[in-house]
């Protein structure tokens, strides 16, 4: 049986007026964006967390904690690249992203996010799914106070060899 692993990641940030809104490495026009120690890109942060989980290599807070000044204002892309290196570049078989937010609306940016995530992971966009849900207003995310993302990733043997 092949060596495959599943990782799950989650990240959430409040929205702050006047802050850039970057999700999945794509800048989305919005009057507010996620507030965080780094760029607040909950999609790529959750992806990095999922990759760490698949490798049993810790979690986002341990590797990139707010007590680490070198990661202040870092891009989500930089976090994912670092985790890929740290985990020996596993081959990514599948990525499933769910964004939880009332705003910003992400439908028209979905394909750009898929392409960007695939490029970061060295895979094809056909292996990356990006979905969004408001949760019908049942959480602060669904009421517009913040944005969250969950990511499930399936990885195989290292693609670095």
N, C-alpha and C. Protein backbone atom coordinates (compact mmCIF):
# COMPACT_ATOMS: atom_id res chain seq x y z
N UNK A 1 0.84 -1.18 0.00
CA UNK A 1 0.00 0.00 0.00
C UNK A 1 0.89 1.25 0.00
N UNK A 2 0.58 2.22 -0.81
CA UNK A 2 1.41 3.42 -0.87
C UNK A 2 1.34 4.21 0.44
N UNK A 3 2.40 4.95 0.72
CA UNK A 3 2.45 5.79 1.92
C UNK A 3 1.73 7.10 1.62
N UNK A 4 0.48 7.19 2.04
CA UNK A 4 -0.29 8.43 1.88
C UNK A 4 -0.69 8.91 3.26
N UNK A 5 -0.80 10.22 3.37
CA UNK A 5 -1.18 10.82 4.64
C UNK A 5 -2.21 11.90 4.39
N UNK A 6 -3.06 12.11 5.39
CA UNK A 6 -4.07 13.16 5.33
C UNK A 6 -3.73 14.19 6.40
N UNK A 7 -3.87 15.45 6.04
CA UNK A 7 -3.70 16.53 7.01
C UNK A 7 -4.89 17.44 6.97
N UNK A 8 -5.24 17.98 8.12
CA UNK A 8 -6.35 18.93 8.22
C UNK A 8 -5.82 20.21 8.83
N UNK A 9 -6.20 21.35 8.26
CA UNK A 9 -5.78 22.63 8.81
C UNK A 9 -6.96 23.57 8.94
N UNK A 10 -6.83 24.48 9.88
CA UNK A 10 -7.87 25.49 10.13
C UNK A 10 -7.18 26.79 10.51
N UNK A 11 -7.73 27.90 10.04
CA UNK A 11 -7.27 29.21 10.49
C UNK A 11 -8.43 30.18 10.40
N UNK A 12 -8.41 31.18 11.27
CA UNK A 12 -9.47 32.19 11.32
C UNK A 12 -8.90 33.51 11.78
N UNK A 13 -9.40 34.59 11.21
CA UNK A 13 -8.99 35.94 11.61
C UNK A 13 -10.18 36.88 11.55
N UNK A 14 -10.19 37.88 12.45
CA UNK A 14 -11.21 38.92 12.33
C UNK A 14 -10.91 39.79 11.11
N UNK A 15 -11.93 40.45 10.58
CA UNK A 15 -11.74 41.38 9.48
C UNK A 15 -11.54 42.78 10.04
N UNK A 16 -10.63 43.53 9.44
CA UNK A 16 -10.33 44.89 9.87
C UNK A 16 -10.44 45.83 8.67
N UNK A 17 -11.19 46.90 8.85
CA UNK A 17 -11.37 47.88 7.78
C UNK A 17 -10.02 48.45 7.35
N UNK A 18 -9.84 48.59 6.03
CA UNK A 18 -8.64 49.18 5.47
C UNK A 18 -7.48 48.23 5.29
N UNK A 19 -7.62 47.00 5.75
CA UNK A 19 -6.54 46.02 5.60
C UNK A 19 -6.72 45.29 4.28
N UNK A 20 -5.61 44.95 3.58
CA UNK A 20 -5.73 44.19 2.33
C UNK A 20 -6.36 42.82 2.58
N UNK A 21 -7.13 42.34 1.63
CA UNK A 21 -7.76 41.03 1.73
C UNK A 21 -7.09 40.08 0.76
N UNK A 22 -6.28 39.17 1.31
CA UNK A 22 -5.57 38.18 0.51
C UNK A 22 -6.05 36.81 0.95
N UNK A 23 -6.59 36.04 0.00
CA UNK A 23 -7.04 34.68 0.28
C UNK A 23 -6.51 33.76 -0.81
N UNK A 24 -5.87 32.69 -0.40
CA UNK A 24 -5.30 31.76 -1.38
C UNK A 24 -4.20 32.41 -2.21
N UNK A 25 -3.58 33.46 -1.66
CA UNK A 25 -2.54 34.18 -2.37
C UNK A 25 -3.05 35.16 -3.40
N UNK A 26 -4.37 35.37 -3.42
CA UNK A 26 -5.00 36.27 -4.40
C UNK A 26 -5.56 37.47 -3.65
N UNK A 27 -5.22 38.67 -4.12
CA UNK A 27 -5.76 39.89 -3.51
C UNK A 27 -7.18 40.11 -4.03
N UNK A 28 -8.11 40.22 -3.09
CA UNK A 28 -9.52 40.37 -3.41
C UNK A 28 -9.95 41.78 -3.02
N UNK A 29 -10.52 42.54 -3.97
CA UNK A 29 -10.98 43.88 -3.62
C UNK A 29 -12.02 43.81 -2.51
N UNK A 30 -11.76 44.55 -1.43
CA UNK A 30 -12.66 44.53 -0.28
C UNK A 30 -12.35 45.74 0.59
N UNK A 31 -13.34 46.20 1.36
CA UNK A 31 -13.10 47.32 2.26
C UNK A 31 -12.41 46.88 3.55
N UNK A 32 -12.26 45.56 3.74
CA UNK A 32 -11.60 45.05 4.93
C UNK A 32 -10.87 43.76 4.59
N UNK A 33 -9.92 43.41 5.44
CA UNK A 33 -9.15 42.19 5.24
C UNK A 33 -8.82 41.54 6.56
N UNK A 34 -8.34 40.30 6.52
CA UNK A 34 -8.03 39.56 7.74
C UNK A 34 -6.87 40.19 8.50
N UNK A 35 -7.05 40.33 9.80
CA UNK A 35 -6.01 40.85 10.68
C UNK A 35 -5.22 39.67 11.23
N UNK A 36 -3.91 39.74 11.12
CA UNK A 36 -3.08 38.66 11.64
C UNK A 36 -1.64 39.09 11.82
N UNK A 37 -0.84 38.24 12.47
CA UNK A 37 0.59 38.49 12.68
C UNK A 37 1.30 38.58 11.34
N UNK A 38 0.90 37.70 10.42
CA UNK A 38 1.46 37.76 9.07
C UNK A 38 0.40 38.43 8.18
N UNK A 39 0.21 37.93 6.97
CA UNK A 39 -0.73 38.61 6.06
C UNK A 39 -2.20 38.27 6.30
N UNK A 40 -2.48 37.34 7.20
CA UNK A 40 -3.86 36.99 7.50
C UNK A 40 -4.54 36.11 6.46
N UNK A 41 -3.78 35.56 5.51
CA UNK A 41 -4.36 34.71 4.45
C UNK A 41 -4.76 33.37 5.06
N UNK A 42 -6.01 33.29 5.53
CA UNK A 42 -6.48 32.09 6.24
C UNK A 42 -6.42 30.84 5.37
N UNK A 43 -6.56 30.99 4.07
CA UNK A 43 -6.52 29.82 3.18
C UNK A 43 -5.12 29.21 3.18
N UNK A 44 -4.12 30.02 2.93
CA UNK A 44 -2.76 29.48 2.88
C UNK A 44 -2.24 29.12 4.26
N UNK A 45 -2.70 29.81 5.29
CA UNK A 45 -2.32 29.42 6.65
C UNK A 45 -2.90 28.05 6.99
N UNK A 46 -4.16 27.82 6.65
CA UNK A 46 -4.77 26.52 6.90
C UNK A 46 -4.11 25.44 6.05
N UNK A 47 -3.70 25.79 4.83
CA UNK A 47 -2.98 24.83 3.99
C UNK A 47 -1.65 24.45 4.62
N UNK A 48 -0.90 25.44 5.11
CA UNK A 48 0.37 25.15 5.77
C UNK A 48 0.13 24.26 7.00
N UNK A 49 -0.92 24.55 7.75
CA UNK A 49 -1.27 23.75 8.93
C UNK A 49 -1.61 22.31 8.53
N UNK A 50 -2.35 22.15 7.44
CA UNK A 50 -2.71 20.81 6.96
C UNK A 50 -1.47 20.03 6.53
N UNK A 51 -0.55 20.69 5.83
CA UNK A 51 0.69 20.03 5.41
C UNK A 51 1.53 19.62 6.63
N UNK A 52 1.57 20.48 7.63
CA UNK A 52 2.28 20.12 8.87
C UNK A 52 1.61 18.92 9.53
N UNK A 53 0.28 18.90 9.53
CA UNK A 53 -0.44 17.78 10.13
C UNK A 53 -0.19 16.48 9.41
N UNK A 54 -0.17 16.52 8.08
CA UNK A 54 0.07 15.30 7.30
C UNK A 54 1.45 14.73 7.60
N UNK A 55 2.41 15.61 7.91
CA UNK A 55 3.77 15.17 8.20
C UNK A 55 4.01 14.95 9.69
N UNK A 56 2.98 15.18 10.52
CA UNK A 56 3.12 15.10 11.98
C UNK A 56 4.29 15.97 12.43
N UNK A 57 4.35 17.21 11.88
CA UNK A 57 5.48 18.12 12.10
C UNK A 57 5.08 19.36 12.89
N UNK A 58 4.07 19.25 13.73
CA UNK A 58 3.67 20.40 14.53
C UNK A 58 2.46 21.09 13.96
N UNK A 59 2.29 22.35 14.35
CA UNK A 59 1.14 23.13 13.90
C UNK A 59 1.57 24.55 13.59
N UNK A 60 0.65 25.31 13.04
CA UNK A 60 0.91 26.67 12.60
C UNK A 60 1.47 27.54 13.74
N UNK A 61 0.85 27.45 14.91
CA UNK A 61 1.28 28.27 16.04
C UNK A 61 2.68 27.93 16.53
N UNK A 62 3.04 26.66 16.47
CA UNK A 62 4.37 26.24 16.90
C UNK A 62 5.45 26.71 15.93
N UNK A 63 5.19 26.56 14.65
CA UNK A 63 6.18 26.88 13.63
C UNK A 63 6.25 28.38 13.34
N UNK A 64 5.09 29.06 13.32
CA UNK A 64 5.04 30.47 12.92
C UNK A 64 4.44 31.38 13.97
N UNK A 65 4.51 31.03 15.24
CA UNK A 65 3.83 31.77 16.31
C UNK A 65 4.07 33.27 16.29
N UNK A 66 3.15 34.00 16.90
CA UNK A 66 3.24 35.46 16.93
C UNK A 66 4.44 35.94 17.74
N UNK A 67 5.10 35.04 18.46
CA UNK A 67 6.33 35.40 19.18
C UNK A 67 7.55 35.30 18.28
N UNK A 68 7.34 34.97 17.00
CA UNK A 68 8.45 34.82 16.04
C UNK A 68 8.48 36.05 15.13
N UNK A 69 9.30 37.05 15.45
CA UNK A 69 9.31 38.30 14.68
C UNK A 69 9.68 38.12 13.22
N UNK A 70 10.43 37.07 12.89
CA UNK A 70 10.82 36.86 11.49
C UNK A 70 9.63 36.55 10.58
N UNK A 71 8.48 36.17 11.17
CA UNK A 71 7.29 35.87 10.37
C UNK A 71 6.28 37.01 10.38
N UNK A 72 6.61 38.12 11.06
CA UNK A 72 5.71 39.28 11.08
C UNK A 72 5.52 39.79 9.66
N UNK A 73 4.26 39.92 9.25
CA UNK A 73 3.88 40.42 7.91
C UNK A 73 4.29 39.49 6.77
N UNK A 74 4.69 38.27 7.06
CA UNK A 74 5.06 37.32 5.99
C UNK A 74 3.83 36.93 5.18
N UNK A 75 4.03 36.63 3.92
CA UNK A 75 2.92 36.19 3.07
C UNK A 75 2.59 34.73 3.37
N UNK A 76 1.32 34.39 3.14
CA UNK A 76 0.91 33.00 3.26
C UNK A 76 1.71 32.11 2.32
N UNK A 77 2.07 32.64 1.16
CA UNK A 77 2.88 31.88 0.21
C UNK A 77 4.24 31.52 0.81
N UNK A 78 4.85 32.46 1.54
CA UNK A 78 6.14 32.19 2.19
C UNK A 78 5.98 31.09 3.24
N UNK A 79 4.87 31.10 3.97
CA UNK A 79 4.62 30.06 4.98
C UNK A 79 4.49 28.69 4.32
N UNK A 80 3.72 28.61 3.23
CA UNK A 80 3.55 27.32 2.54
C UNK A 80 4.88 26.84 1.98
N UNK A 81 5.65 27.73 1.36
CA UNK A 81 6.97 27.33 0.82
C UNK A 81 7.87 26.78 1.92
N UNK A 82 7.88 27.45 3.07
CA UNK A 82 8.70 27.00 4.19
C UNK A 82 8.26 25.62 4.67
N UNK A 83 6.96 25.43 4.81
CA UNK A 83 6.45 24.12 5.26
C UNK A 83 6.76 23.04 4.24
N UNK A 84 6.65 23.35 2.96
CA UNK A 84 6.98 22.35 1.92
C UNK A 84 8.43 21.91 2.09
N UNK A 85 9.33 22.86 2.32
CA UNK A 85 10.73 22.52 2.52
C UNK A 85 10.93 21.72 3.80
N UNK A 86 10.30 22.16 4.87
CA UNK A 86 10.40 21.50 6.17
C UNK A 86 9.91 20.06 6.11
N UNK A 87 8.89 19.79 5.30
CA UNK A 87 8.29 18.45 5.22
C UNK A 87 8.78 17.65 4.02
N UNK A 88 9.87 18.08 3.41
CA UNK A 88 10.52 17.36 2.30
C UNK A 88 9.64 17.27 1.05
N UNK A 89 8.88 18.32 0.78
CA UNK A 89 8.10 18.43 -0.46
C UNK A 89 7.27 17.20 -0.79
N UNK A 90 6.30 16.86 0.06
CA UNK A 90 5.47 15.69 -0.26
C UNK A 90 4.68 15.93 -1.56
N UNK A 91 4.44 14.85 -2.29
CA UNK A 91 3.61 14.93 -3.49
C UNK A 91 2.17 15.15 -3.06
N UNK A 92 1.56 16.20 -3.58
CA UNK A 92 0.19 16.53 -3.19
C UNK A 92 -0.77 15.86 -4.15
N UNK A 93 -1.60 14.99 -3.60
CA UNK A 93 -2.57 14.26 -4.40
C UNK A 93 -3.89 15.02 -4.54
N UNK A 94 -4.28 15.72 -3.45
CA UNK A 94 -5.58 16.41 -3.45
C UNK A 94 -5.59 17.46 -2.35
N UNK A 95 -6.23 18.60 -2.64
CA UNK A 95 -6.42 19.66 -1.65
C UNK A 95 -7.89 20.08 -1.72
N UNK A 96 -8.54 20.16 -0.56
CA UNK A 96 -9.92 20.60 -0.49
C UNK A 96 -10.01 21.75 0.50
N UNK A 97 -10.34 22.94 -0.01
CA UNK A 97 -10.41 24.17 0.78
C UNK A 97 -11.87 24.59 0.93
N UNK A 98 -12.26 24.95 2.14
CA UNK A 98 -13.55 25.59 2.37
C UNK A 98 -13.31 26.90 3.10
N UNK A 99 -13.78 27.99 2.50
CA UNK A 99 -13.68 29.32 3.11
C UNK A 99 -15.02 29.60 3.77
N UNK A 100 -14.97 30.04 5.03
CA UNK A 100 -16.18 30.35 5.79
C UNK A 100 -16.24 31.85 5.99
N UNK A 101 -17.15 32.51 5.29
CA UNK A 101 -17.25 33.97 5.40
C UNK A 101 -18.51 34.48 4.72
N UNK A 102 -19.07 35.53 5.26
CA UNK A 102 -20.13 36.26 4.57
C UNK A 102 -19.52 37.14 3.50
N UNK A 103 -18.39 37.73 3.86
CA UNK A 103 -17.65 38.60 2.95
C UNK A 103 -16.18 38.39 3.19
N UNK A 104 -15.35 38.57 2.22
CA UNK A 104 -15.67 38.99 0.86
C UNK A 104 -16.24 37.83 0.05
N UNK A 105 -16.93 38.16 -1.00
CA UNK A 105 -17.42 37.14 -1.92
C UNK A 105 -16.23 36.64 -2.73
N UNK A 106 -16.07 35.32 -2.84
CA UNK A 106 -14.86 34.78 -3.46
C UNK A 106 -15.11 34.06 -4.79
N UNK A 107 -16.35 33.91 -5.20
CA UNK A 107 -16.66 33.08 -6.38
C UNK A 107 -15.84 33.47 -7.60
N UNK A 108 -15.73 34.77 -7.89
CA UNK A 108 -15.02 35.17 -9.11
C UNK A 108 -13.50 35.03 -8.98
N UNK A 109 -13.00 34.72 -7.79
CA UNK A 109 -11.56 34.56 -7.57
C UNK A 109 -11.16 33.10 -7.34
N UNK A 110 -12.15 32.23 -7.37
CA UNK A 110 -11.94 30.81 -7.09
C UNK A 110 -10.88 30.17 -8.00
N UNK A 111 -10.98 30.40 -9.31
CA UNK A 111 -10.04 29.77 -10.23
C UNK A 111 -8.62 30.31 -10.05
N UNK A 112 -8.50 31.60 -9.76
CA UNK A 112 -7.17 32.17 -9.50
C UNK A 112 -6.56 31.55 -8.24
N UNK A 113 -7.39 31.33 -7.21
CA UNK A 113 -6.90 30.69 -6.00
C UNK A 113 -6.46 29.26 -6.28
N UNK A 114 -7.28 28.53 -7.02
CA UNK A 114 -6.92 27.15 -7.37
C UNK A 114 -5.58 27.09 -8.09
N UNK A 115 -5.41 27.97 -9.08
CA UNK A 115 -4.17 27.99 -9.86
C UNK A 115 -2.98 28.36 -8.98
N UNK A 116 -3.16 29.33 -8.10
CA UNK A 116 -2.06 29.76 -7.24
C UNK A 116 -1.68 28.66 -6.25
N UNK A 117 -2.66 28.02 -5.64
CA UNK A 117 -2.39 26.94 -4.69
C UNK A 117 -1.70 25.78 -5.41
N UNK A 118 -2.18 25.42 -6.58
CA UNK A 118 -1.56 24.33 -7.35
C UNK A 118 -0.10 24.66 -7.66
N UNK A 119 0.17 25.88 -8.09
CA UNK A 119 1.54 26.27 -8.41
C UNK A 119 2.44 26.19 -7.17
N UNK A 120 1.94 26.64 -6.02
CA UNK A 120 2.72 26.56 -4.78
C UNK A 120 3.06 25.13 -4.41
N UNK A 121 2.14 24.22 -4.72
CA UNK A 121 2.31 22.82 -4.33
C UNK A 121 2.93 21.95 -5.41
N UNK A 122 3.16 22.52 -6.59
CA UNK A 122 3.75 21.73 -7.68
C UNK A 122 2.80 20.67 -8.20
N UNK A 123 1.52 21.01 -8.26
CA UNK A 123 0.52 20.07 -8.75
C UNK A 123 -0.38 20.78 -9.75
N UNK A 124 -1.42 20.10 -10.20
CA UNK A 124 -2.33 20.66 -11.19
C UNK A 124 -3.56 21.26 -10.50
N UNK A 125 -4.13 22.33 -11.08
CA UNK A 125 -5.35 22.90 -10.50
C UNK A 125 -6.48 21.87 -10.37
N UNK A 126 -6.49 20.86 -11.21
CA UNK A 126 -7.53 19.83 -11.13
C UNK A 126 -7.48 19.06 -9.81
N UNK A 127 -6.37 19.17 -9.08
CA UNK A 127 -6.23 18.49 -7.79
C UNK A 127 -6.57 19.41 -6.62
N UNK A 128 -7.03 20.63 -6.92
CA UNK A 128 -7.32 21.62 -5.88
C UNK A 128 -8.77 22.07 -5.99
N UNK A 129 -9.50 21.96 -4.89
CA UNK A 129 -10.88 22.42 -4.82
C UNK A 129 -10.95 23.61 -3.87
N UNK A 130 -11.66 24.66 -4.28
CA UNK A 130 -11.88 25.82 -3.41
C UNK A 130 -13.38 26.09 -3.39
N UNK A 131 -13.95 26.06 -2.18
CA UNK A 131 -15.38 26.31 -2.00
C UNK A 131 -15.55 27.38 -0.94
N UNK A 132 -16.73 27.94 -0.87
CA UNK A 132 -17.02 28.94 0.16
C UNK A 132 -18.43 28.76 0.68
N UNK A 133 -18.62 29.14 1.95
CA UNK A 133 -19.94 29.07 2.56
C UNK A 133 -20.07 30.20 3.57
N UNK A 134 -21.25 30.78 3.64
CA UNK A 134 -21.50 31.79 4.67
C UNK A 134 -21.97 31.13 5.96
N UNK A 135 -22.32 29.86 5.90
CA UNK A 135 -22.85 29.20 7.09
C UNK A 135 -24.22 29.72 7.48
N UNK A 136 -24.86 30.40 6.55
CA UNK A 136 -26.22 30.93 6.78
C UNK A 136 -26.33 31.80 8.02
N UNK A 137 -25.25 32.55 8.29
CA UNK A 137 -25.29 33.50 9.39
C UNK A 137 -25.24 32.91 10.78
N UNK A 138 -24.86 31.65 10.91
CA UNK A 138 -24.89 30.99 12.22
C UNK A 138 -23.65 31.24 13.06
N UNK A 139 -22.59 31.81 12.47
CA UNK A 139 -21.36 32.10 13.21
C UNK A 139 -20.95 33.55 12.94
N UNK A 140 -19.93 34.02 13.66
CA UNK A 140 -19.40 35.37 13.40
C UNK A 140 -18.87 35.46 11.97
N UNK A 141 -18.36 34.35 11.44
CA UNK A 141 -17.89 34.35 10.05
C UNK A 141 -19.06 34.59 9.10
N UNK A 142 -20.16 33.94 9.37
CA UNK A 142 -21.36 34.09 8.55
C UNK A 142 -22.07 35.40 8.73
N UNK A 143 -21.68 36.14 9.76
CA UNK A 143 -22.26 37.46 10.01
C UNK A 143 -21.33 38.58 9.56
N UNK A 144 -20.16 38.22 8.98
CA UNK A 144 -19.26 39.23 8.41
C UNK A 144 -18.20 39.77 9.34
N UNK A 145 -18.02 39.19 10.52
CA UNK A 145 -17.03 39.70 11.47
C UNK A 145 -15.62 39.17 11.22
N UNK A 146 -15.53 38.09 10.46
CA UNK A 146 -14.22 37.48 10.23
C UNK A 146 -14.28 36.52 9.07
N UNK A 147 -13.17 35.87 8.84
CA UNK A 147 -13.06 34.88 7.77
C UNK A 147 -12.25 33.70 8.30
N UNK A 148 -12.64 32.50 7.90
CA UNK A 148 -11.95 31.29 8.32
C UNK A 148 -11.79 30.37 7.12
N UNK A 149 -10.90 29.41 7.25
CA UNK A 149 -10.74 28.40 6.20
C UNK A 149 -10.37 27.07 6.84
N UNK A 150 -10.90 26.02 6.26
CA UNK A 150 -10.48 24.67 6.59
C UNK A 150 -9.87 24.07 5.34
N UNK A 151 -8.85 23.26 5.52
CA UNK A 151 -8.18 22.61 4.39
C UNK A 151 -7.92 21.16 4.76
N UNK A 152 -8.24 20.30 3.84
CA UNK A 152 -7.91 18.89 3.93
C UNK A 152 -6.95 18.59 2.80
N UNK A 153 -5.84 17.92 3.11
CA UNK A 153 -4.84 17.63 2.07
C UNK A 153 -4.46 16.16 2.14
N UNK A 154 -4.28 15.56 0.99
CA UNK A 154 -3.81 14.18 0.87
C UNK A 154 -2.45 14.25 0.19
N UNK A 155 -1.43 13.72 0.88
CA UNK A 155 -0.08 13.76 0.33
C UNK A 155 0.48 12.35 0.24
N UNK A 156 1.43 12.19 -0.67
CA UNK A 156 2.12 10.91 -0.85
C UNK A 156 3.59 11.06 -0.60
N UNK A 157 4.37 10.18 -1.21
CA UNK A 157 5.83 10.19 -1.07
C UNK A 157 6.39 11.54 -1.48
N UNK A 158 7.57 11.85 -1.00
CA UNK A 158 8.24 13.10 -1.31
C UNK A 158 8.41 13.27 -2.81
N UNK A 159 8.15 14.49 -3.30
CA UNK A 159 8.36 14.79 -4.71
C UNK A 159 9.73 15.45 -4.91
N UNK A 160 10.53 15.55 -3.83
CA UNK A 160 11.84 16.18 -3.91
C UNK A 160 12.90 15.25 -4.50
N UNK A 161 12.66 13.95 -4.50
CA UNK A 161 13.67 13.01 -4.98
C UNK A 161 13.79 12.99 -6.46
